[in-house]
Amino acid sequence: MKKIAFNKYYVLSCILLAIFLLSCKKIKQFPDIPYIEFVSFTKLNNVSPQKGILCVYFTDGDGDIGFKSNENDTAYNFFIDYYEKQEGVFVKVHLDVTHNARIPILNSSGHKKPLEGNIEIEIEYNNYTSPYDTIQFECWLIDRAGNKSNHIFTPPIIVEK
């Protein structure tokens, strides 16, 4: 009789151990240099000036993306260059207004921690002084250590003129 009771506890212990081991998530590992990918550009309807939401997927192995709220508030860490398709070729255009953005601290733990997610930035996308109706953006990210991500380009975006 005791042998049967022992087997019940042994089986129950094995099942609980298996559940525990299978429920543990492995921590994802990424390089310390940020990486970004284009996800989407969504035009906002019925707004003036014309605006859209740029969505970019990112990873960072040490999680040091972002500025603290008390740090230099004129610095940027997400950079966006504006291009227009002129005579069939995309040409970088320097505008009076910057599209660059300031990403806040994403890892507030104070410890290295891999991060991944999406960054969404609202952008005014029509250069009203230009006759060209097709644009695109080039983007990159710089983390707190000064590591620069890869550069990405959005697909062509048609602008209403």
N, C-alpha and C. Protein backbone atom coordinates (compact mmCIF):
# COMPACT_ATOMS: atom_id res chain seq x y z
N MET A 1 0.81 -1.19 0.00
CA MET A 1 0.00 0.00 0.00
C MET A 1 0.86 1.26 0.00
N LYS A 2 1.91 1.30 0.80
CA LYS A 2 2.77 2.47 0.83
C LYS A 2 3.47 2.68 -0.50
N LYS A 3 3.76 1.61 -1.19
CA LYS A 3 4.42 1.72 -2.49
C LYS A 3 3.54 2.46 -3.49
N ILE A 4 2.26 2.26 -3.47
CA ILE A 4 1.33 2.96 -4.35
C ILE A 4 1.28 4.45 -4.02
N ALA A 5 1.25 4.79 -2.74
CA ALA A 5 1.24 6.19 -2.32
C ALA A 5 2.52 6.89 -2.77
N PHE A 6 3.63 6.22 -2.66
CA PHE A 6 4.90 6.80 -3.08
C PHE A 6 4.87 7.09 -4.58
N ASN A 7 4.36 6.19 -5.36
CA ASN A 7 4.29 6.39 -6.80
C ASN A 7 3.41 7.57 -7.18
N LYS A 8 2.30 7.78 -6.45
CA LYS A 8 1.44 8.93 -6.71
C LYS A 8 2.20 10.24 -6.50
N TYR A 9 2.92 10.33 -5.39
CA TYR A 9 3.68 11.55 -5.11
C TYR A 9 4.83 11.73 -6.08
N TYR A 10 5.44 10.65 -6.47
CA TYR A 10 6.53 10.71 -7.43
C TYR A 10 6.02 11.20 -8.78
N VAL A 11 4.91 10.65 -9.23
CA VAL A 11 4.32 11.06 -10.51
C VAL A 11 3.87 12.52 -10.43
N LEU A 12 3.21 12.90 -9.35
CA LEU A 12 2.77 14.28 -9.18
C LEU A 12 3.95 15.24 -9.18
N SER A 13 5.02 14.87 -8.50
CA SER A 13 6.23 15.71 -8.46
C SER A 13 6.83 15.86 -9.85
N CYS A 14 6.87 14.79 -10.60
CA CYS A 14 7.42 14.85 -11.97
C CYS A 14 6.57 15.75 -12.86
N ILE A 15 5.26 15.65 -12.73
CA ILE A 15 4.37 16.49 -13.54
C ILE A 15 4.56 17.96 -13.18
N LEU A 16 4.61 18.26 -11.87
CA LEU A 16 4.80 19.66 -11.45
C LEU A 16 6.16 20.20 -11.91
N LEU A 17 7.20 19.39 -11.84
CA LEU A 17 8.53 19.80 -12.30
C LEU A 17 8.52 20.05 -13.81
N ALA A 18 7.87 19.20 -14.57
CA ALA A 18 7.79 19.38 -16.02
C ALA A 18 7.04 20.66 -16.37
N ILE A 19 5.93 20.92 -15.68
CA ILE A 19 5.17 22.15 -15.92
C ILE A 19 6.03 23.36 -15.62
N PHE A 20 6.74 23.32 -14.49
CA PHE A 20 7.60 24.44 -14.12
C PHE A 20 8.69 24.68 -15.16
N LEU A 21 9.35 23.62 -15.59
CA LEU A 21 10.44 23.77 -16.57
C LEU A 21 9.93 24.24 -17.93
N LEU A 22 8.78 23.77 -18.33
CA LEU A 22 8.23 24.17 -19.62
C LEU A 22 7.67 25.58 -19.61
N SER A 23 7.30 26.08 -18.44
CA SER A 23 6.72 27.42 -18.37
C SER A 23 7.78 28.52 -18.31
N CYS A 24 9.02 28.17 -18.05
CA CYS A 24 10.08 29.18 -17.99
C CYS A 24 10.39 29.67 -19.40
N LYS A 25 10.41 30.98 -19.58
CA LYS A 25 10.76 31.55 -20.88
C LYS A 25 12.26 31.79 -20.94
N LYS A 26 12.83 31.49 -22.08
CA LYS A 26 14.23 31.82 -22.28
C LYS A 26 14.33 33.31 -22.59
N ILE A 27 15.31 33.96 -22.01
CA ILE A 27 15.54 35.37 -22.30
C ILE A 27 16.17 35.49 -23.68
N LYS A 28 15.56 36.30 -24.53
CA LYS A 28 16.10 36.47 -25.87
C LYS A 28 17.42 37.23 -25.80
N GLN A 29 18.32 36.88 -26.69
CA GLN A 29 19.61 37.54 -26.77
C GLN A 29 19.70 38.30 -28.09
N PHE A 30 20.17 39.54 -28.01
CA PHE A 30 20.36 40.37 -29.19
C PHE A 30 21.73 41.03 -29.09
N PRO A 31 22.31 41.45 -30.21
CA PRO A 31 23.55 42.23 -30.16
C PRO A 31 23.33 43.55 -29.41
N ASP A 32 24.40 44.10 -28.83
CA ASP A 32 24.31 45.38 -28.12
C ASP A 32 24.08 46.55 -29.07
N ILE A 33 24.39 46.36 -30.34
CA ILE A 33 24.14 47.40 -31.34
C ILE A 33 22.67 47.32 -31.75
N PRO A 34 21.93 48.42 -31.64
CA PRO A 34 20.50 48.38 -32.00
C PRO A 34 20.29 47.94 -33.44
N TYR A 35 19.15 47.32 -33.65
CA TYR A 35 18.74 46.87 -34.98
C TYR A 35 17.30 47.35 -35.19
N ILE A 36 17.00 47.84 -36.40
CA ILE A 36 15.64 48.28 -36.70
C ILE A 36 15.16 47.70 -38.03
N GLU A 37 13.84 47.56 -38.15
CA GLU A 37 13.17 47.12 -39.38
C GLU A 37 11.93 47.97 -39.59
N PHE A 38 11.65 48.31 -40.83
CA PHE A 38 10.41 49.01 -41.16
C PHE A 38 9.23 48.08 -40.92
N VAL A 39 8.18 48.59 -40.26
CA VAL A 39 6.94 47.83 -40.05
C VAL A 39 5.83 48.43 -40.90
N SER A 40 5.57 49.75 -40.73
CA SER A 40 4.47 50.34 -41.48
C SER A 40 4.55 51.87 -41.43
N PHE A 41 3.84 52.47 -42.37
CA PHE A 41 3.59 53.90 -42.34
C PHE A 41 2.10 54.07 -42.61
N THR A 42 1.38 54.62 -41.65
CA THR A 42 -0.06 54.76 -41.75
C THR A 42 -0.43 56.24 -41.81
N LYS A 43 -1.06 56.64 -42.91
CA LYS A 43 -1.51 58.02 -43.04
C LYS A 43 -2.69 58.27 -42.12
N LEU A 44 -2.67 59.41 -41.45
CA LEU A 44 -3.80 59.81 -40.62
C LEU A 44 -4.79 60.55 -41.50
N ASN A 45 -6.04 60.22 -41.40
CA ASN A 45 -7.08 60.83 -42.23
C ASN A 45 -7.60 62.12 -41.62
N ASN A 46 -7.99 63.04 -42.48
CA ASN A 46 -8.66 64.28 -42.08
C ASN A 46 -7.85 65.11 -41.09
N VAL A 47 -6.55 65.19 -41.29
CA VAL A 47 -5.71 66.06 -40.46
C VAL A 47 -4.95 67.00 -41.38
N SER A 48 -4.75 68.19 -40.90
CA SER A 48 -3.97 69.17 -41.65
C SER A 48 -2.99 69.81 -40.69
N PRO A 49 -1.71 69.79 -40.97
CA PRO A 49 -1.05 69.26 -42.16
C PRO A 49 -1.12 67.73 -42.20
N GLN A 50 -0.78 67.18 -43.37
CA GLN A 50 -0.82 65.73 -43.55
C GLN A 50 0.20 65.07 -42.62
N LYS A 51 -0.29 64.08 -41.84
CA LYS A 51 0.56 63.37 -40.90
C LYS A 51 0.36 61.88 -41.04
N GLY A 52 1.36 61.14 -40.57
CA GLY A 52 1.28 59.69 -40.55
C GLY A 52 2.02 59.14 -39.36
N ILE A 53 1.81 57.86 -39.10
CA ILE A 53 2.49 57.17 -38.01
C ILE A 53 3.50 56.21 -38.63
N LEU A 54 4.77 56.44 -38.34
CA LEU A 54 5.85 55.55 -38.75
C LEU A 54 6.05 54.53 -37.65
N CYS A 55 5.98 53.25 -37.98
CA CYS A 55 6.17 52.17 -37.00
C CYS A 55 7.42 51.39 -37.40
N VAL A 56 8.34 51.24 -36.44
CA VAL A 56 9.62 50.57 -36.67
C VAL A 56 9.84 49.54 -35.56
N TYR A 57 10.18 48.32 -35.92
CA TYR A 57 10.54 47.27 -34.97
C TYR A 57 12.00 47.47 -34.59
N PHE A 58 12.34 47.22 -33.31
CA PHE A 58 13.73 47.37 -32.88
C PHE A 58 14.13 46.26 -31.93
N THR A 59 15.44 46.01 -31.85
CA THR A 59 16.03 45.17 -30.81
C THR A 59 17.27 45.88 -30.30
N ASP A 60 17.62 45.62 -29.04
CA ASP A 60 18.85 46.14 -28.45
C ASP A 60 19.25 45.20 -27.32
N GLY A 61 20.43 44.60 -27.44
CA GLY A 61 20.86 43.57 -26.50
C GLY A 61 21.10 44.04 -25.09
N ASP A 62 21.58 45.27 -24.91
CA ASP A 62 21.83 45.74 -23.54
C ASP A 62 20.77 46.71 -23.04
N GLY A 63 19.78 47.00 -23.85
CA GLY A 63 18.62 47.77 -23.41
C GLY A 63 18.90 49.22 -23.06
N ASP A 64 19.92 49.80 -23.67
CA ASP A 64 20.27 51.18 -23.31
C ASP A 64 19.76 52.20 -24.32
N ILE A 65 18.51 52.05 -24.69
CA ILE A 65 17.89 53.00 -25.62
C ILE A 65 17.12 54.04 -24.82
N GLY A 66 17.28 55.29 -25.21
CA GLY A 66 16.45 56.34 -24.65
C GLY A 66 17.17 57.34 -23.78
N PHE A 67 16.53 58.49 -23.65
CA PHE A 67 17.02 59.58 -22.80
C PHE A 67 16.17 59.66 -21.55
N LYS A 68 16.78 60.00 -20.44
CA LYS A 68 16.04 60.28 -19.21
C LYS A 68 15.37 61.65 -19.38
N SER A 69 14.30 61.87 -18.66
CA SER A 69 13.54 63.11 -18.81
C SER A 69 14.36 64.34 -18.41
N ASN A 70 15.36 64.19 -17.53
CA ASN A 70 16.15 65.34 -17.08
C ASN A 70 17.41 65.56 -17.92
N GLU A 71 17.60 64.77 -18.97
CA GLU A 71 18.77 64.93 -19.82
C GLU A 71 18.52 65.98 -20.90
N ASN A 72 19.58 66.38 -21.55
CA ASN A 72 19.55 67.40 -22.60
C ASN A 72 18.32 67.22 -23.49
N ASP A 73 17.40 68.16 -23.41
CA ASP A 73 16.14 68.00 -24.13
C ASP A 73 16.20 68.46 -25.58
N THR A 74 17.38 68.81 -26.07
CA THR A 74 17.50 69.17 -27.48
C THR A 74 18.16 68.05 -28.28
N ALA A 75 18.55 66.98 -27.61
CA ALA A 75 19.22 65.87 -28.30
C ALA A 75 18.19 64.88 -28.86
N TYR A 76 18.54 64.25 -29.94
CA TYR A 76 17.70 63.23 -30.55
C TYR A 76 18.43 61.90 -30.52
N ASN A 77 17.67 60.80 -30.58
CA ASN A 77 18.28 59.49 -30.66
C ASN A 77 17.63 58.62 -31.75
N PHE A 78 16.58 59.14 -32.38
CA PHE A 78 15.97 58.47 -33.53
C PHE A 78 15.99 59.48 -34.67
N PHE A 79 16.70 59.15 -35.73
CA PHE A 79 16.94 60.10 -36.81
C PHE A 79 16.17 59.72 -38.06
N ILE A 80 15.61 60.75 -38.70
CA ILE A 80 14.78 60.54 -39.89
C ILE A 80 15.18 61.57 -40.94
N ASP A 81 15.60 61.08 -42.10
CA ASP A 81 15.88 61.96 -43.23
C ASP A 81 14.74 61.84 -44.24
N TYR A 82 14.47 62.94 -44.92
CA TYR A 82 13.35 63.07 -45.85
C TYR A 82 13.87 63.02 -47.29
N TYR A 83 13.25 62.20 -48.12
CA TYR A 83 13.64 62.08 -49.53
C TYR A 83 12.41 62.32 -50.41
N GLU A 84 12.65 62.96 -51.55
CA GLU A 84 11.61 63.13 -52.57
C GLU A 84 12.07 62.45 -53.85
N LYS A 85 11.10 61.89 -54.55
CA LYS A 85 11.41 61.29 -55.85
C LYS A 85 11.33 62.38 -56.90
N GLN A 86 12.51 62.79 -57.38
CA GLN A 86 12.62 63.86 -58.36
C GLN A 86 13.17 63.29 -59.66
N GLU A 87 12.39 63.41 -60.70
CA GLU A 87 12.78 62.90 -62.02
C GLU A 87 13.16 61.41 -61.95
N GLY A 88 12.40 60.64 -61.15
CA GLY A 88 12.58 59.19 -61.06
C GLY A 88 13.63 58.71 -60.07
N VAL A 89 14.29 59.63 -59.36
CA VAL A 89 15.35 59.26 -58.41
C VAL A 89 15.05 59.89 -57.06
N PHE A 90 15.22 59.12 -55.97
CA PHE A 90 15.02 59.68 -54.64
C PHE A 90 16.21 60.56 -54.26
N VAL A 91 15.91 61.79 -53.86
CA VAL A 91 16.92 62.79 -53.51
C VAL A 91 16.66 63.25 -52.08
N LYS A 92 17.72 63.28 -51.26
CA LYS A 92 17.58 63.76 -49.88
C LYS A 92 17.30 65.25 -49.91
N VAL A 93 16.28 65.68 -49.15
CA VAL A 93 15.88 67.08 -49.09
C VAL A 93 16.06 67.57 -47.66
N HIS A 94 16.76 68.68 -47.51
CA HIS A 94 16.95 69.28 -46.18
C HIS A 94 15.81 70.27 -45.94
N LEU A 95 14.99 69.96 -44.95
CA LEU A 95 13.84 70.80 -44.63
C LEU A 95 14.16 71.69 -43.43
N ASP A 96 13.40 72.75 -43.28
CA ASP A 96 13.57 73.64 -42.14
C ASP A 96 13.13 72.98 -40.83
N VAL A 97 12.21 72.02 -40.92
CA VAL A 97 11.70 71.32 -39.74
C VAL A 97 12.31 69.92 -39.70
N THR A 98 12.75 69.50 -38.51
CA THR A 98 13.33 68.17 -38.38
C THR A 98 12.25 67.12 -38.15
N HIS A 99 12.49 65.93 -38.63
CA HIS A 99 11.61 64.80 -38.36
C HIS A 99 12.20 63.91 -37.26
N ASN A 100 13.40 64.25 -36.79
CA ASN A 100 14.06 63.44 -35.77
C ASN A 100 13.20 63.37 -34.51
N ALA A 101 13.43 62.33 -33.72
CA ALA A 101 12.61 62.13 -32.52
C ALA A 101 13.49 61.81 -31.32
N ARG A 102 12.89 61.98 -30.18
CA ARG A 102 13.55 61.73 -28.90
C ARG A 102 12.82 60.56 -28.22
N ILE A 103 13.48 59.42 -28.17
CA ILE A 103 12.90 58.23 -27.55
C ILE A 103 13.23 58.26 -26.06
N PRO A 104 12.24 58.08 -25.19
CA PRO A 104 12.51 58.06 -23.74
C PRO A 104 13.17 56.75 -23.31
N ILE A 105 13.64 56.71 -22.09
CA ILE A 105 14.23 55.48 -21.53
C ILE A 105 13.21 54.36 -21.64
N LEU A 106 13.64 53.23 -22.20
CA LEU A 106 12.75 52.09 -22.34
C LEU A 106 13.03 51.02 -21.28
N ASN A 107 14.24 51.01 -20.73
CA ASN A 107 14.61 50.05 -19.69
C ASN A 107 14.96 50.86 -18.45
N SER A 108 14.04 50.91 -17.51
CA SER A 108 14.27 51.72 -16.31
C SER A 108 14.84 50.91 -15.15
N SER A 109 15.21 49.65 -15.39
CA SER A 109 15.70 48.80 -14.31
C SER A 109 17.12 49.17 -13.87
N GLY A 110 17.88 49.83 -14.72
CA GLY A 110 19.26 50.15 -14.38
C GLY A 110 20.22 49.00 -14.67
N HIS A 111 19.73 47.88 -15.14
CA HIS A 111 20.55 46.72 -15.47
C HIS A 111 20.45 46.44 -16.97
N LYS A 112 21.48 45.79 -17.50
CA LYS A 112 21.41 45.40 -18.91
C LYS A 112 20.27 44.41 -19.07
N LYS A 113 19.43 44.70 -20.06
CA LYS A 113 18.25 43.86 -20.28
C LYS A 113 17.89 43.94 -21.75
N PRO A 114 17.88 42.81 -22.46
CA PRO A 114 17.54 42.85 -23.88
C PRO A 114 16.15 43.45 -24.09
N LEU A 115 16.04 44.29 -25.11
CA LEU A 115 14.76 44.92 -25.44
C LEU A 115 14.40 44.62 -26.89
N GLU A 116 13.10 44.50 -27.12
CA GLU A 116 12.58 44.47 -28.48
C GLU A 116 11.17 45.01 -28.43
N GLY A 117 10.75 45.59 -29.54
CA GLY A 117 9.41 46.14 -29.59
C GLY A 117 9.24 47.01 -30.81
N ASN A 118 8.20 47.82 -30.79
CA ASN A 118 7.93 48.76 -31.88
C ASN A 118 8.01 50.18 -31.36
N ILE A 119 8.55 51.04 -32.18
CA ILE A 119 8.57 52.48 -31.91
C ILE A 119 7.63 53.11 -32.92
N GLU A 120 6.71 53.94 -32.44
CA GLU A 120 5.78 54.65 -33.32
C GLU A 120 6.02 56.15 -33.18
N ILE A 121 6.17 56.81 -34.32
CA ILE A 121 6.45 58.25 -34.33
C ILE A 121 5.47 58.92 -35.31
N GLU A 122 4.85 59.99 -34.84
CA GLU A 122 3.95 60.76 -35.71
C GLU A 122 4.80 61.74 -36.51
N ILE A 123 4.60 61.75 -37.83
CA ILE A 123 5.42 62.57 -38.73
C ILE A 123 4.52 63.37 -39.67
N GLU A 124 4.85 64.65 -39.83
CA GLU A 124 4.25 65.45 -40.89
C GLU A 124 5.03 65.10 -42.15
N TYR A 125 4.33 64.71 -43.20
CA TYR A 125 5.06 64.14 -44.33
C TYR A 125 4.92 64.88 -45.65
N ASN A 126 4.26 66.00 -45.70
CA ASN A 126 4.12 66.71 -46.98
C ASN A 126 4.98 67.96 -46.98
N ASN A 127 5.88 68.05 -47.95
CA ASN A 127 6.67 69.26 -48.17
C ASN A 127 5.86 70.15 -49.12
N TYR A 128 5.12 71.10 -48.56
CA TYR A 128 4.19 71.91 -49.36
C TYR A 128 4.88 72.81 -50.37
N THR A 129 6.17 73.05 -50.20
CA THR A 129 6.89 73.90 -51.15
C THR A 129 7.40 73.11 -52.35
N SER A 130 7.17 71.82 -52.36
CA SER A 130 7.68 70.97 -53.43
C SER A 130 6.56 70.48 -54.34
N PRO A 131 6.84 70.39 -55.64
CA PRO A 131 5.82 69.86 -56.56
C PRO A 131 5.81 68.33 -56.61
N TYR A 132 6.78 67.67 -55.96
CA TYR A 132 6.92 66.21 -56.07
C TYR A 132 5.96 65.50 -55.12
N ASP A 133 5.38 64.40 -55.61
CA ASP A 133 4.32 63.73 -54.85
C ASP A 133 4.70 62.36 -54.30
N THR A 134 5.97 61.97 -54.40
CA THR A 134 6.40 60.68 -53.87
C THR A 134 7.60 60.91 -52.97
N ILE A 135 7.49 60.42 -51.74
CA ILE A 135 8.57 60.62 -50.75
C ILE A 135 8.93 59.28 -50.11
N GLN A 136 9.98 59.30 -49.34
CA GLN A 136 10.31 58.19 -48.46
C GLN A 136 11.20 58.73 -47.33
N PHE A 137 11.30 57.96 -46.27
CA PHE A 137 12.12 58.34 -45.13
C PHE A 137 13.24 57.33 -44.95
N GLU A 138 14.40 57.84 -44.50
CA GLU A 138 15.51 57.00 -44.06
C GLU A 138 15.59 57.16 -42.55
N CYS A 139 15.74 56.05 -41.82
CA CYS A 139 15.72 56.10 -40.35
C CYS A 139 16.88 55.30 -39.76
N TRP A 140 17.33 55.73 -38.57
CA TRP A 140 18.28 54.97 -37.78
C TRP A 140 18.18 55.42 -36.33
N LEU A 141 18.73 54.60 -35.44
CA LEU A 141 18.61 54.78 -34.00
C LEU A 141 20.00 54.75 -33.39
N ILE A 142 20.22 55.58 -32.36
CA ILE A 142 21.49 55.56 -31.62
C ILE A 142 21.16 55.33 -30.16
N ASP A 143 21.86 54.35 -29.54
CA ASP A 143 21.60 54.06 -28.13
C ASP A 143 22.47 54.93 -27.22
N ARG A 144 22.33 54.75 -25.91
CA ARG A 144 23.03 55.58 -24.93
C ARG A 144 24.55 55.44 -25.02
N ALA A 145 25.02 54.28 -25.46
CA ALA A 145 26.46 54.05 -25.59
C ALA A 145 27.02 54.61 -26.89
N GLY A 146 26.14 55.17 -27.73
CA GLY A 146 26.58 55.72 -29.01
C GLY A 146 26.58 54.71 -30.14
N ASN A 147 26.08 53.51 -29.90
CA ASN A 147 25.99 52.50 -30.96
C ASN A 147 24.89 52.90 -31.94
N LYS A 148 25.24 52.87 -33.21
CA LYS A 148 24.33 53.29 -34.26
C LYS A 148 23.73 52.06 -34.94
N SER A 149 22.40 52.05 -35.08
CA SER A 149 21.72 50.93 -35.73
C SER A 149 21.97 50.95 -37.23
N ASN A 150 21.44 49.95 -37.87
CA ASN A 150 21.40 49.93 -39.33
C ASN A 150 20.47 51.05 -39.82
N HIS A 151 20.61 51.42 -41.07
CA HIS A 151 19.71 52.42 -41.68
C HIS A 151 18.64 51.67 -42.47
N ILE A 152 17.42 52.16 -42.38
CA ILE A 152 16.32 51.57 -43.16
C ILE A 152 15.63 52.67 -43.96
N PHE A 153 14.95 52.26 -45.01
CA PHE A 153 14.15 53.17 -45.82
C PHE A 153 12.70 52.68 -45.83
N THR A 154 11.78 53.63 -45.76
CA THR A 154 10.38 53.25 -45.93
C THR A 154 10.14 52.98 -47.40
N PRO A 155 9.08 52.27 -47.73
CA PRO A 155 8.68 52.20 -49.14
C PRO A 155 8.24 53.59 -49.60
N PRO A 156 8.10 53.81 -50.89
CA PRO A 156 7.62 55.09 -51.37
C PRO A 156 6.23 55.42 -50.80
N ILE A 157 6.04 56.71 -50.47
CA ILE A 157 4.79 57.20 -49.90
C ILE A 157 4.25 58.26 -50.86
N ILE A 158 3.01 58.10 -51.28
CA ILE A 158 2.40 59.06 -52.20
C ILE A 158 1.78 60.19 -51.36
N VAL A 159 2.08 61.42 -51.75
CA VAL A 159 1.61 62.61 -51.05
C VAL A 159 0.54 63.29 -51.89
N GLU A 160 -0.53 63.73 -51.24
CA GLU A 160 -1.58 64.48 -51.97
C GLU A 160 -1.12 65.92 -52.13
N LYS A 161 -1.07 66.42 -53.34
CA LYS A 161 -0.65 67.80 -53.62
C LYS A 161 -1.84 68.63 -54.00
